[in-house]
Each structure stands twice: as structure tokens, then as C-alpha cells.
N, C-alpha and C. Protein backbone atom coordinates (compact mmCIF):
# COMPACT_ATOMS: atom_id res chain seq x y z
N MET A 1 17.44 3.59 14.55
CA MET A 1 16.16 4.04 13.99
C MET A 1 15.95 3.39 12.63
N LYS A 2 14.76 2.91 12.40
CA LYS A 2 14.48 2.24 11.15
C LYS A 2 14.15 3.25 10.06
N ASN A 3 14.11 2.75 8.81
CA ASN A 3 13.85 3.62 7.68
C ASN A 3 12.46 4.25 7.76
N LEU A 4 12.29 5.32 7.01
CA LEU A 4 11.01 6.03 6.97
C LEU A 4 9.88 5.09 6.58
N PHE A 5 8.78 5.22 7.34
CA PHE A 5 7.57 4.45 7.08
C PHE A 5 7.85 2.95 7.10
N TYR A 6 8.64 2.52 8.08
CA TYR A 6 8.89 1.09 8.27
C TYR A 6 7.57 0.38 8.53
N ILE A 7 7.45 -0.83 8.01
CA ILE A 7 6.23 -1.59 8.24
C ILE A 7 6.58 -3.00 8.65
N SER A 8 5.99 -3.45 9.74
CA SER A 8 6.24 -4.80 10.24
C SER A 8 5.31 -5.77 9.54
N LEU A 9 5.84 -6.53 8.60
CA LEU A 9 4.99 -7.36 7.77
C LEU A 9 5.35 -8.85 7.83
N MET A 10 6.18 -9.28 8.75
CA MET A 10 6.48 -10.70 8.87
C MET A 10 5.26 -11.42 9.39
N PRO A 11 4.79 -12.45 8.68
CA PRO A 11 3.58 -13.15 9.14
C PRO A 11 3.79 -13.76 10.52
N LEU A 12 2.75 -13.67 11.34
CA LEU A 12 2.82 -14.26 12.68
C LEU A 12 2.58 -15.77 12.59
N LEU A 13 3.17 -16.52 13.50
CA LEU A 13 2.99 -17.97 13.54
C LEU A 13 1.99 -18.34 14.61
N LEU A 14 1.19 -19.35 14.33
CA LEU A 14 0.20 -19.81 15.30
C LEU A 14 0.83 -20.71 16.35
N LEU A 15 0.17 -20.75 17.51
CA LEU A 15 0.54 -21.74 18.52
C LEU A 15 0.05 -23.11 18.05
N LEU A 16 0.52 -24.17 18.68
CA LEU A 16 0.08 -25.51 18.31
C LEU A 16 -1.44 -25.60 18.45
N PRO A 17 -2.10 -26.22 17.50
CA PRO A 17 -3.57 -26.29 17.53
C PRO A 17 -4.06 -27.18 18.67
N VAL A 18 -5.27 -26.84 19.10
CA VAL A 18 -5.89 -27.62 20.17
C VAL A 18 -6.93 -28.55 19.60
N LEU A 19 -7.71 -28.08 18.64
CA LEU A 19 -8.78 -28.86 18.04
C LEU A 19 -8.42 -29.23 16.61
N ILE A 20 -9.17 -30.17 16.05
CA ILE A 20 -8.95 -30.59 14.66
C ILE A 20 -9.15 -29.40 13.72
N LYS A 21 -10.21 -28.63 14.00
CA LYS A 21 -10.48 -27.47 13.17
C LYS A 21 -9.32 -26.50 13.23
N ALA A 22 -8.78 -26.32 14.42
CA ALA A 22 -7.64 -25.43 14.58
C ALA A 22 -6.44 -25.96 13.80
N GLN A 23 -6.30 -27.29 13.73
CA GLN A 23 -5.21 -27.86 12.96
C GLN A 23 -5.36 -27.51 11.48
N ASP A 24 -6.61 -27.55 10.98
CA ASP A 24 -6.86 -27.19 9.59
C ASP A 24 -6.49 -25.72 9.35
N GLU A 25 -6.89 -24.86 10.30
CA GLU A 25 -6.55 -23.45 10.18
C GLU A 25 -5.05 -23.27 10.16
N ASN A 26 -4.37 -23.95 11.05
CA ASN A 26 -2.92 -23.84 11.15
C ASN A 26 -2.24 -24.29 9.87
N ALA A 27 -2.79 -25.35 9.25
CA ALA A 27 -2.23 -25.84 8.00
C ALA A 27 -2.39 -24.80 6.90
N ALA A 28 -3.55 -24.15 6.87
CA ALA A 28 -3.77 -23.12 5.84
C ALA A 28 -2.82 -21.95 6.03
N ILE A 29 -2.61 -21.57 7.28
CA ILE A 29 -1.71 -20.45 7.54
C ILE A 29 -0.26 -20.84 7.25
N ARG A 30 0.12 -22.08 7.59
CA ARG A 30 1.47 -22.54 7.26
C ARG A 30 1.71 -22.49 5.76
N GLU A 31 0.69 -22.89 5.00
CA GLU A 31 0.80 -22.85 3.55
C GLU A 31 0.95 -21.39 3.08
N GLY A 32 0.12 -20.52 3.65
CA GLY A 32 0.19 -19.10 3.29
C GLY A 32 1.54 -18.50 3.64
N ASN A 33 2.06 -18.84 4.83
CA ASN A 33 3.35 -18.29 5.25
C ASN A 33 4.49 -18.74 4.35
N LYS A 34 4.42 -20.02 3.91
CA LYS A 34 5.46 -20.54 3.02
C LYS A 34 5.46 -19.76 1.71
N LEU A 35 4.27 -19.55 1.15
CA LEU A 35 4.15 -18.79 -0.08
C LEU A 35 4.58 -17.34 0.12
N TYR A 36 4.22 -16.80 1.27
CA TYR A 36 4.58 -15.42 1.60
C TYR A 36 6.09 -15.26 1.62
N HIS A 37 6.78 -16.17 2.32
CA HIS A 37 8.23 -16.09 2.41
C HIS A 37 8.90 -16.31 1.06
N ASP A 38 8.20 -17.01 0.16
CA ASP A 38 8.71 -17.20 -1.21
C ASP A 38 8.33 -16.03 -2.11
N ARG A 39 7.72 -15.01 -1.49
CA ARG A 39 7.30 -13.79 -2.18
C ARG A 39 6.21 -14.05 -3.23
N GLN A 40 5.45 -15.10 -3.01
CA GLN A 40 4.30 -15.39 -3.88
C GLN A 40 3.04 -14.90 -3.16
N PHE A 41 2.94 -13.60 -3.07
CA PHE A 41 1.91 -12.99 -2.23
C PHE A 41 0.50 -13.24 -2.76
N GLU A 42 0.34 -13.20 -4.08
CA GLU A 42 -0.98 -13.46 -4.66
C GLU A 42 -1.47 -14.86 -4.30
N LYS A 43 -0.57 -15.82 -4.31
CA LYS A 43 -0.93 -17.20 -4.00
C LYS A 43 -1.11 -17.40 -2.50
N ALA A 44 -0.47 -16.59 -1.69
CA ALA A 44 -0.59 -16.72 -0.24
C ALA A 44 -1.96 -16.26 0.25
N MET A 45 -2.56 -15.29 -0.44
CA MET A 45 -3.83 -14.73 0.02
C MET A 45 -4.95 -15.75 0.11
N PRO A 46 -5.15 -16.63 -0.88
CA PRO A 46 -6.23 -17.62 -0.75
C PRO A 46 -6.05 -18.54 0.46
N ALA A 47 -4.80 -18.85 0.81
CA ALA A 47 -4.56 -19.71 1.97
C ALA A 47 -5.01 -19.01 3.25
N TYR A 48 -4.68 -17.72 3.38
CA TYR A 48 -5.11 -16.97 4.56
C TYR A 48 -6.63 -16.81 4.57
N GLN A 49 -7.21 -16.59 3.39
CA GLN A 49 -8.67 -16.44 3.32
C GLN A 49 -9.36 -17.75 3.72
N LYS A 50 -8.75 -18.87 3.38
CA LYS A 50 -9.31 -20.17 3.76
C LYS A 50 -9.32 -20.30 5.28
N ALA A 51 -8.24 -19.88 5.92
CA ALA A 51 -8.18 -19.94 7.38
C ALA A 51 -9.23 -19.05 8.02
N ILE A 52 -9.47 -17.88 7.42
CA ILE A 52 -10.48 -16.95 7.94
C ILE A 52 -11.87 -17.54 7.78
N GLU A 53 -12.12 -18.21 6.65
CA GLU A 53 -13.43 -18.85 6.44
C GLU A 53 -13.66 -19.95 7.48
N GLN A 54 -12.59 -20.67 7.82
CA GLN A 54 -12.70 -21.72 8.82
C GLN A 54 -12.92 -21.14 10.22
N ASN A 55 -12.34 -19.96 10.44
CA ASN A 55 -12.51 -19.31 11.74
C ASN A 55 -12.38 -17.79 11.56
N PRO A 56 -13.51 -17.07 11.45
CA PRO A 56 -13.48 -15.62 11.25
C PRO A 56 -12.74 -14.86 12.36
N LYS A 57 -12.55 -15.50 13.52
CA LYS A 57 -11.86 -14.84 14.62
C LYS A 57 -10.35 -15.09 14.59
N ASN A 58 -9.87 -15.71 13.54
CA ASN A 58 -8.44 -16.01 13.42
C ASN A 58 -7.70 -14.71 13.08
N LEU A 59 -7.13 -14.09 14.08
CA LEU A 59 -6.49 -12.78 13.91
C LEU A 59 -5.20 -12.88 13.11
N THR A 60 -4.46 -13.98 13.31
CA THR A 60 -3.21 -14.15 12.57
C THR A 60 -3.47 -14.21 11.08
N ALA A 61 -4.51 -14.93 10.67
CA ALA A 61 -4.85 -15.05 9.25
C ALA A 61 -5.24 -13.67 8.69
N ARG A 62 -6.02 -12.92 9.46
CA ARG A 62 -6.44 -11.59 9.01
C ARG A 62 -5.22 -10.66 8.87
N TYR A 63 -4.35 -10.72 9.84
CA TYR A 63 -3.16 -9.87 9.83
C TYR A 63 -2.27 -10.22 8.64
N ASN A 64 -2.03 -11.52 8.44
CA ASN A 64 -1.15 -11.93 7.35
C ASN A 64 -1.77 -11.67 5.98
N LEU A 65 -3.10 -11.80 5.89
CA LEU A 65 -3.79 -11.49 4.64
C LEU A 65 -3.60 -10.02 4.28
N ALA A 66 -3.76 -9.16 5.26
CA ALA A 66 -3.57 -7.72 5.03
C ALA A 66 -2.14 -7.44 4.58
N ASN A 67 -1.17 -8.11 5.22
CA ASN A 67 0.23 -7.90 4.84
C ASN A 67 0.50 -8.38 3.42
N ALA A 68 -0.08 -9.51 3.03
CA ALA A 68 0.11 -10.03 1.68
C ALA A 68 -0.47 -9.05 0.66
N ARG A 69 -1.64 -8.48 0.97
CA ARG A 69 -2.24 -7.49 0.07
C ARG A 69 -1.35 -6.25 -0.04
N PHE A 70 -0.77 -5.87 1.08
CA PHE A 70 0.16 -4.74 1.06
C PHE A 70 1.32 -5.03 0.12
N ARG A 71 1.86 -6.24 0.21
CA ARG A 71 3.02 -6.60 -0.60
C ARG A 71 2.70 -6.64 -2.09
N THR A 72 1.46 -6.84 -2.45
CA THR A 72 1.10 -6.83 -3.87
C THR A 72 1.00 -5.40 -4.40
N GLY A 73 1.04 -4.43 -3.51
CA GLY A 73 0.95 -3.03 -3.92
C GLY A 73 -0.46 -2.49 -3.95
N ASN A 74 -1.43 -3.31 -3.54
CA ASN A 74 -2.82 -2.86 -3.54
C ASN A 74 -3.12 -2.19 -2.19
N MET A 75 -2.77 -0.90 -2.10
CA MET A 75 -2.90 -0.19 -0.83
C MET A 75 -4.36 -0.03 -0.36
N PRO A 76 -5.31 0.28 -1.25
CA PRO A 76 -6.70 0.40 -0.77
C PRO A 76 -7.22 -0.90 -0.15
N ASP A 77 -6.94 -2.04 -0.80
CA ASP A 77 -7.40 -3.32 -0.25
C ASP A 77 -6.67 -3.66 1.05
N ALA A 78 -5.38 -3.34 1.09
CA ALA A 78 -4.62 -3.59 2.31
C ALA A 78 -5.18 -2.75 3.46
N GLU A 79 -5.50 -1.50 3.16
CA GLU A 79 -6.09 -0.61 4.17
C GLU A 79 -7.39 -1.20 4.71
N LYS A 80 -8.24 -1.70 3.82
CA LYS A 80 -9.51 -2.30 4.25
C LYS A 80 -9.26 -3.54 5.11
N SER A 81 -8.23 -4.33 4.74
CA SER A 81 -7.93 -5.54 5.52
C SER A 81 -7.45 -5.18 6.92
N TYR A 82 -6.66 -4.13 7.05
CA TYR A 82 -6.24 -3.71 8.38
C TYR A 82 -7.43 -3.18 9.19
N ASP A 83 -8.35 -2.52 8.50
CA ASP A 83 -9.57 -2.07 9.17
C ASP A 83 -10.38 -3.28 9.67
N ASP A 84 -10.45 -4.34 8.85
CA ASP A 84 -11.15 -5.56 9.26
C ASP A 84 -10.49 -6.17 10.48
N LEU A 85 -9.17 -6.20 10.48
CA LEU A 85 -8.44 -6.74 11.61
C LEU A 85 -8.75 -5.95 12.88
N ILE A 86 -8.69 -4.63 12.78
CA ILE A 86 -8.94 -3.77 13.93
C ILE A 86 -10.36 -3.96 14.45
N ALA A 87 -11.31 -4.09 13.51
CA ALA A 87 -12.72 -4.21 13.90
C ALA A 87 -13.05 -5.56 14.51
N ASN A 88 -12.24 -6.57 14.22
CA ASN A 88 -12.56 -7.93 14.66
C ASN A 88 -11.68 -8.43 15.80
N THR A 89 -11.01 -7.52 16.48
CA THR A 89 -10.19 -7.96 17.61
C THR A 89 -10.31 -7.01 18.80
N THR A 90 -10.16 -7.58 19.96
CA THR A 90 -10.09 -6.79 21.19
C THR A 90 -8.68 -6.86 21.76
N GLU A 91 -7.79 -7.58 21.07
CA GLU A 91 -6.41 -7.73 21.54
C GLU A 91 -5.58 -6.52 21.09
N ASN A 92 -5.04 -5.82 22.07
CA ASN A 92 -4.28 -4.62 21.76
C ASN A 92 -3.08 -4.89 20.85
N LYS A 93 -2.48 -6.07 20.98
CA LYS A 93 -1.31 -6.39 20.16
C LYS A 93 -1.67 -6.32 18.68
N TYR A 94 -2.80 -6.92 18.33
CA TYR A 94 -3.22 -6.92 16.93
C TYR A 94 -3.76 -5.57 16.51
N LYS A 95 -4.49 -4.91 17.40
CA LYS A 95 -5.02 -3.59 17.07
C LYS A 95 -3.87 -2.62 16.78
N GLU A 96 -2.84 -2.67 17.63
CA GLU A 96 -1.71 -1.75 17.47
C GLU A 96 -1.01 -2.00 16.13
N LYS A 97 -0.77 -3.27 15.80
CA LYS A 97 -0.15 -3.60 14.53
C LYS A 97 -1.05 -3.18 13.36
N GLY A 98 -2.35 -3.35 13.54
CA GLY A 98 -3.29 -2.97 12.49
C GLY A 98 -3.25 -1.47 12.23
N TYR A 99 -3.30 -0.67 13.30
CA TYR A 99 -3.25 0.78 13.15
C TYR A 99 -1.92 1.23 12.54
N TYR A 100 -0.83 0.62 13.01
CA TYR A 100 0.49 1.01 12.53
C TYR A 100 0.61 0.75 11.03
N ASN A 101 0.29 -0.49 10.61
CA ASN A 101 0.43 -0.83 9.20
C ASN A 101 -0.59 -0.09 8.33
N LYS A 102 -1.76 0.17 8.89
CA LYS A 102 -2.74 0.99 8.16
C LYS A 102 -2.16 2.38 7.92
N GLY A 103 -1.46 2.90 8.92
CA GLY A 103 -0.82 4.21 8.76
C GLY A 103 0.16 4.23 7.60
N VAL A 104 0.89 3.14 7.43
CA VAL A 104 1.85 3.06 6.32
C VAL A 104 1.13 3.04 4.97
N THR A 105 0.04 2.26 4.90
CA THR A 105 -0.71 2.21 3.62
C THR A 105 -1.27 3.59 3.29
N LEU A 106 -1.74 4.31 4.30
CA LEU A 106 -2.29 5.65 4.08
C LEU A 106 -1.20 6.62 3.64
N THR A 107 -0.01 6.49 4.24
CA THR A 107 1.11 7.34 3.85
C THR A 107 1.46 7.12 2.39
N LYS A 108 1.47 5.88 1.98
CA LYS A 108 1.80 5.56 0.59
C LYS A 108 0.73 6.06 -0.37
N GLN A 109 -0.47 6.28 0.12
CA GLN A 109 -1.55 6.83 -0.71
C GLN A 109 -1.62 8.36 -0.59
N GLN A 110 -0.64 8.94 0.09
CA GLN A 110 -0.58 10.39 0.30
C GLN A 110 -1.77 10.92 1.10
N LYS A 111 -2.33 10.06 1.95
CA LYS A 111 -3.40 10.48 2.85
C LYS A 111 -2.75 10.79 4.20
N LEU A 112 -2.05 11.90 4.24
CA LEU A 112 -1.20 12.19 5.39
C LEU A 112 -1.97 12.37 6.70
N GLN A 113 -3.06 13.13 6.65
CA GLN A 113 -3.80 13.35 7.90
C GLN A 113 -4.35 12.05 8.46
N GLU A 114 -4.86 11.19 7.57
CA GLU A 114 -5.39 9.91 8.02
C GLU A 114 -4.29 9.01 8.56
N SER A 115 -3.11 9.07 7.93
CA SER A 115 -1.99 8.26 8.41
C SER A 115 -1.51 8.77 9.78
N ILE A 116 -1.53 10.07 9.96
CA ILE A 116 -1.16 10.65 11.26
C ILE A 116 -2.09 10.15 12.35
N ASP A 117 -3.38 10.14 12.03
CA ASP A 117 -4.37 9.64 13.00
C ASP A 117 -4.13 8.17 13.33
N ALA A 118 -3.77 7.37 12.31
CA ALA A 118 -3.53 5.94 12.52
C ALA A 118 -2.30 5.72 13.41
N TYR A 119 -1.23 6.47 13.15
CA TYR A 119 -0.03 6.33 14.00
C TYR A 119 -0.33 6.74 15.44
N LYS A 120 -1.13 7.77 15.61
CA LYS A 120 -1.51 8.20 16.95
C LYS A 120 -2.30 7.11 17.67
N ASP A 121 -3.21 6.45 16.92
CA ASP A 121 -4.00 5.36 17.52
C ASP A 121 -3.08 4.21 17.92
N ALA A 122 -2.06 3.94 17.10
CA ALA A 122 -1.11 2.88 17.44
C ALA A 122 -0.35 3.22 18.71
N LEU A 123 0.06 4.48 18.85
CA LEU A 123 0.82 4.90 20.03
C LEU A 123 -0.04 4.93 21.29
N LYS A 124 -1.34 5.14 21.12
CA LYS A 124 -2.23 5.08 22.28
C LYS A 124 -2.25 3.67 22.87
N LEU A 125 -2.10 2.69 21.99
CA LEU A 125 -2.11 1.29 22.44
C LEU A 125 -0.73 0.82 22.88
N ASP A 126 0.30 1.40 22.31
CA ASP A 126 1.67 1.03 22.68
C ASP A 126 2.56 2.26 22.57
N ALA A 127 2.70 2.96 23.68
CA ALA A 127 3.48 4.20 23.69
C ALA A 127 4.97 3.96 23.48
N THR A 128 5.40 2.71 23.54
CA THR A 128 6.84 2.39 23.38
C THR A 128 7.19 2.08 21.93
N ASP A 129 6.23 2.12 21.03
CA ASP A 129 6.49 1.78 19.63
C ASP A 129 7.25 2.93 18.96
N GLU A 130 8.58 2.79 18.90
CA GLU A 130 9.43 3.85 18.34
C GLU A 130 9.22 3.99 16.84
N ASP A 131 8.89 2.89 16.15
CA ASP A 131 8.66 2.98 14.71
C ASP A 131 7.43 3.83 14.42
N ALA A 132 6.37 3.63 15.20
CA ALA A 132 5.16 4.43 15.03
C ALA A 132 5.45 5.90 15.32
N ARG A 133 6.25 6.14 16.35
CA ARG A 133 6.59 7.53 16.71
C ARG A 133 7.43 8.17 15.60
N PHE A 134 8.36 7.40 15.05
CA PHE A 134 9.22 7.89 13.98
C PHE A 134 8.39 8.23 12.74
N ASN A 135 7.50 7.31 12.34
CA ASN A 135 6.67 7.54 11.16
C ASN A 135 5.70 8.70 11.37
N LEU A 136 5.19 8.82 12.60
CA LEU A 136 4.29 9.93 12.91
C LEU A 136 5.01 11.26 12.70
N GLN A 137 6.23 11.36 13.20
CA GLN A 137 6.99 12.60 13.05
C GLN A 137 7.27 12.91 11.59
N LYS A 138 7.61 11.85 10.82
CA LYS A 138 7.87 12.04 9.39
C LYS A 138 6.60 12.52 8.67
N ALA A 139 5.47 11.93 9.01
CA ALA A 139 4.21 12.31 8.37
C ALA A 139 3.85 13.75 8.72
N LEU A 140 4.06 14.14 9.97
CA LEU A 140 3.78 15.51 10.39
C LEU A 140 4.68 16.50 9.66
N THR A 141 5.95 16.14 9.51
CA THR A 141 6.90 17.00 8.80
C THR A 141 6.50 17.15 7.34
N GLU A 142 6.12 16.04 6.72
CA GLU A 142 5.71 16.07 5.31
C GLU A 142 4.43 16.90 5.14
N GLN A 143 3.51 16.76 6.09
CA GLN A 143 2.27 17.53 6.03
C GLN A 143 2.57 19.03 6.14
N LYS A 144 3.50 19.38 7.02
CA LYS A 144 3.87 20.78 7.20
C LYS A 144 4.48 21.34 5.91
N LYS A 145 5.33 20.54 5.26
CA LYS A 145 5.93 20.97 3.99
C LYS A 145 4.87 21.19 2.93
N GLN A 146 3.91 20.26 2.87
CA GLN A 146 2.84 20.40 1.88
C GLN A 146 2.00 21.65 2.13
N ASN A 147 1.70 21.92 3.39
CA ASN A 147 0.92 23.11 3.74
C ASN A 147 1.68 24.38 3.37
N GLN A 148 2.99 24.39 3.64
CA GLN A 148 3.81 25.55 3.30
C GLN A 148 3.86 25.74 1.80
N SER A 149 3.96 24.63 1.07
CA SER A 149 4.00 24.69 -0.39
C SER A 149 2.68 25.24 -0.94
N LYS A 150 1.56 24.79 -0.37
CA LYS A 150 0.25 25.29 -0.80
C LYS A 150 0.12 26.78 -0.53
N GLN A 151 0.57 27.21 0.66
CA GLN A 151 0.50 28.62 1.01
C GLN A 151 1.35 29.47 0.06
N GLN A 152 2.53 28.94 -0.30
CA GLN A 152 3.41 29.65 -1.21
C GLN A 152 2.79 29.77 -2.59
N GLN A 153 2.16 28.69 -3.04
CA GLN A 153 1.49 28.71 -4.34
C GLN A 153 0.33 29.70 -4.35
N GLN A 154 -0.43 29.74 -3.25
CA GLN A 154 -1.53 30.68 -3.15
C GLN A 154 -1.03 32.12 -3.17
N LYS A 155 0.09 32.35 -2.47
CA LYS A 155 0.68 33.68 -2.42
C LYS A 155 1.14 34.12 -3.81
N GLN A 156 1.80 33.19 -4.51
CA GLN A 156 2.28 33.50 -5.86
C GLN A 156 1.10 33.77 -6.81
N GLN A 157 0.04 33.01 -6.63
CA GLN A 157 -1.15 33.20 -7.47
C GLN A 157 -1.78 34.56 -7.21
N GLN A 158 -1.85 34.96 -5.94
CA GLN A 158 -2.40 36.27 -5.58
C GLN A 158 -1.55 37.40 -6.16
N GLN A 159 -0.21 37.24 -6.07
CA GLN A 159 0.68 38.26 -6.61
C GLN A 159 0.52 38.36 -8.13
N LYS A 160 0.34 37.23 -8.77
CA LYS A 160 0.16 37.20 -10.22
C LYS A 160 -1.12 37.91 -10.61
N GLN A 161 -2.19 37.66 -9.82
CA GLN A 161 -3.47 38.30 -10.10
C GLN A 161 -3.39 39.81 -9.90
N GLN A 162 -2.65 40.23 -8.86
CA GLN A 162 -2.50 41.66 -8.59
C GLN A 162 -1.74 42.35 -9.72
N LYS A 163 -0.75 41.65 -10.28
CA LYS A 163 0.01 42.22 -11.38
C LYS A 163 -0.83 42.33 -12.64
N GLN A 164 -1.74 41.40 -12.79
CA GLN A 164 -2.59 41.39 -13.97
C GLN A 164 -3.67 42.46 -13.92
N LYS A 165 -4.08 42.86 -12.73
CA LYS A 165 -5.17 43.83 -12.59
C LYS A 165 -4.87 45.16 -13.27
N PRO A 166 -3.69 45.80 -13.05
CA PRO A 166 -3.41 47.07 -13.73
C PRO A 166 -3.46 46.93 -15.24
N GLU A 167 -2.94 45.79 -15.76
CA GLU A 167 -2.97 45.57 -17.20
C GLU A 167 -4.41 45.47 -17.69
N ASN A 168 -5.22 44.77 -16.91
CA ASN A 168 -6.63 44.64 -17.28
C ASN A 168 -7.32 46.00 -17.26
N ASN A 169 -6.96 46.84 -16.26
CA ASN A 169 -7.54 48.17 -16.16
C ASN A 169 -7.17 49.01 -17.38
N LYS A 170 -5.89 48.89 -17.81
CA LYS A 170 -5.44 49.63 -18.97
C LYS A 170 -6.22 49.20 -20.21
N LEU A 171 -6.41 47.90 -20.33
CA LEU A 171 -7.16 47.38 -21.47
C LEU A 171 -8.59 47.88 -21.44
N ASP A 172 -9.20 47.86 -20.27
CA ASP A 172 -10.58 48.33 -20.13
C ASP A 172 -10.68 49.81 -20.49
N LYS A 173 -9.73 50.60 -20.04
CA LYS A 173 -9.74 52.03 -20.31
C LYS A 173 -9.59 52.29 -21.81
N ARG A 174 -8.71 51.50 -22.44
CA ARG A 174 -8.50 51.64 -23.88
C ARG A 174 -9.77 51.29 -24.66
N LYS A 175 -10.42 50.22 -24.20
CA LYS A 175 -11.66 49.82 -24.87
C LYS A 175 -12.73 50.89 -24.75
N ILE A 176 -12.82 51.49 -23.56
CA ILE A 176 -13.82 52.54 -23.34
C ILE A 176 -13.53 53.74 -24.25
N GLU A 177 -12.25 54.13 -24.34
CA GLU A 177 -11.88 55.26 -25.18
C GLU A 177 -12.22 54.98 -26.65
N GLN A 178 -11.92 53.74 -27.08
CA GLN A 178 -12.23 53.37 -28.46
C GLN A 178 -13.73 53.41 -28.72
N TYR A 179 -14.48 52.97 -27.71
CA TYR A 179 -15.94 52.96 -27.84
C TYR A 179 -16.49 54.39 -27.93
N LEU A 180 -15.94 55.28 -27.10
CA LEU A 180 -16.40 56.67 -27.12
C LEU A 180 -16.05 57.34 -28.45
N LYS A 181 -14.84 57.03 -28.95
CA LYS A 181 -14.44 57.60 -30.24
C LYS A 181 -15.35 57.09 -31.35
N SER A 182 -15.71 55.81 -31.23
CA SER A 182 -16.61 55.23 -32.24
C SER A 182 -17.97 55.93 -32.21
N LEU A 183 -18.47 56.17 -31.00
CA LEU A 183 -19.75 56.88 -30.87
C LEU A 183 -19.65 58.29 -31.43
N GLU A 184 -18.54 58.96 -31.13
CA GLU A 184 -18.34 60.32 -31.61
C GLU A 184 -18.29 60.36 -33.15
N GLN A 185 -17.60 59.35 -33.70
CA GLN A 185 -17.50 59.27 -35.15
C GLN A 185 -18.86 59.04 -35.79
N LYS A 186 -19.66 58.17 -35.17
CA LYS A 186 -21.00 57.90 -35.68
C LYS A 186 -21.87 59.15 -35.62
N GLU A 187 -21.73 59.89 -34.52
CA GLU A 187 -22.52 61.11 -34.37
C GLU A 187 -22.13 62.14 -35.43
N GLN A 188 -20.83 62.23 -35.71
CA GLN A 188 -20.36 63.15 -36.75
C GLN A 188 -20.89 62.75 -38.11
N ASP A 189 -20.90 61.41 -38.35
CA ASP A 189 -21.42 60.92 -39.63
C ASP A 189 -22.90 61.27 -39.77
N VAL A 190 -23.64 61.12 -38.68
CA VAL A 190 -25.07 61.45 -38.71
C VAL A 190 -25.28 62.93 -38.98
N GLN A 191 -24.49 63.78 -38.30
CA GLN A 191 -24.59 65.23 -38.49
C GLN A 191 -24.27 65.63 -39.93
N ARG A 192 -23.24 64.97 -40.49
CA ARG A 192 -22.82 65.29 -41.85
C ARG A 192 -23.91 64.91 -42.85
N LYS A 193 -24.52 63.76 -42.64
CA LYS A 193 -25.60 63.33 -43.54
C LYS A 193 -26.80 64.27 -43.45
N MET A 194 -27.10 64.71 -42.22
CA MET A 194 -28.22 65.64 -42.04
C MET A 194 -27.95 66.95 -42.76
N GLN A 195 -26.72 67.46 -42.69
CA GLN A 195 -26.36 68.69 -43.37
C GLN A 195 -26.45 68.53 -44.88
N GLN A 196 -26.01 67.36 -45.37
CA GLN A 196 -26.09 67.12 -46.81
C GLN A 196 -27.54 67.08 -47.28
N ASN A 197 -28.40 66.48 -46.45
CA ASN A 197 -29.82 66.42 -46.80
C ASN A 197 -30.44 67.81 -46.83
N ARG A 198 -30.05 68.67 -45.88
CA ARG A 198 -30.57 70.04 -45.84
C ARG A 198 -30.14 70.81 -47.09
N ALA A 199 -28.86 70.61 -47.47
CA ALA A 199 -28.31 71.34 -48.62
C ALA A 199 -29.04 70.93 -49.88
N ARG A 200 -29.34 69.63 -50.02
CA ARG A 200 -30.05 69.17 -51.20
C ARG A 200 -31.48 69.74 -51.26
N SER A 201 -32.12 69.83 -50.10
CA SER A 201 -33.50 70.31 -50.06
C SER A 201 -33.58 71.80 -50.41
N VAL A 202 -32.53 72.57 -50.13
CA VAL A 202 -32.51 74.01 -50.41
C VAL A 202 -32.28 74.25 -51.92
N THR A 203 -31.35 73.54 -52.50
CA THR A 203 -30.97 73.76 -53.87
C THR A 203 -31.91 73.09 -54.87
N GLN A 204 -32.72 72.15 -54.44
CA GLN A 204 -33.61 71.41 -55.34
C GLN A 204 -34.77 72.35 -55.81
N PRO A 205 -35.03 72.55 -57.15
CA PRO A 205 -36.11 73.45 -57.62
C PRO A 205 -37.50 72.90 -57.27
N GLU A 206 -38.41 73.80 -57.07
CA GLU A 206 -39.77 73.40 -56.78
C GLU A 206 -40.40 72.75 -58.01
N LYS A 207 -41.34 71.90 -57.78
CA LYS A 207 -42.01 71.20 -58.88
C LYS A 207 -42.93 72.18 -59.63
N ASP A 208 -43.00 72.01 -60.91
CA ASP A 208 -43.88 72.85 -61.73
C ASP A 208 -45.23 72.15 -61.83
N TRP A 209 -46.16 72.67 -61.12
CA TRP A 209 -47.48 72.08 -61.15
C TRP A 209 -48.24 72.65 -62.31
């Protein structure tokens, strides 16, 4: 069994060209493959792109371009390149490789559900692909762990909120009591002032007209 999220990224080689144009395409891909094997992935990409410009139906160039982008660490661009490969071929061999490698790019981007779907699509085209089956199982296991972790966090959050509620109730009750005492104090102050005013009015002598 291969390592988790294994990806088949060895560039494919073309058959001998039939036409002059095909020879040009083959030369561009040979150049790209040489750079690829030398781990000069950024420099390999223009060679593959040149082959695609010469023949948009060149599946090997599209596949190798996507792999080179993957090797540079640009997962979003690699994902798009695999999508381009899948969209531009009716050959199951290339479609299966495209879905499989797309699944790996999605896994690396933590897009687990999308990667699961990609591995499933690869297995629909080639049920014997043990690497796709292995990665699918790993992605499903990781997704299950994430879901369990989310559920646990939600449970802990709910428990925390429930513990906080009684404290909040106590605070609210205390505030209400303080407010009532304040009102009572104000009422007493008003009553006292009224009594003082009455006392002054009684003791004050009448005016001598």
C-alpha cells in the first residue's frame, strides 16, 4: 500500500509523431519532461503550454502541465488544470488520472468532501485503482474525525452556555434588587422632603399686611 494521498505525477511520454506538427509538439513535451525530471517545474510549464497551443487536444501536455503546477505547490491552479484535462478528453485513462490527482489537490486544500467526490469519480472509471480507494478511505476517516471534533466543540460550547446562564440569572436578580432599593430610597427621599416642607409651612408666621 502506498503512502497517504499518493499522487501519480510522472509525466507521460508521447508516441512517435506522425506529422511535422506532432513532431513539434513532441519536442516541446520532451523539453518539458527534461525540465520536470530536473525538478525545474516552473520552467517546464511553458514547454507544456507551448505543446497545448500547438494542439489543444494534446492530453499528455495538459496532464503534465497540471502535474508541474502541482509540484510548484499551487494547488488551486493545479486543480483547475486537472479540471481542464477532464473536460477536454473522452479517454477514460486520462479522465481517471485527472480525477485522482484532482482529489489529491483538494485533500491538500482541506476540501475533504470535494476530494471524496473526486476519488469516487476516479474509481467509477477504474475500480481497480487501489491508490484511489486508499485515499478515499483516508479522506472519509479524516472527514469523520473532523465532524466528531465539531460535534464535541458544539457540545462543550452548549455546556459552557448552560453553566453561564445561572450566573447571568444571579446577576440579573441582583441588578433588579439594587434597582428596587434605589427606587425605594428615592421614594423615601421624596417623602422626607415633603414632610420637611409641611413642617416649614406650619411654623412659618403669617405675613403682617
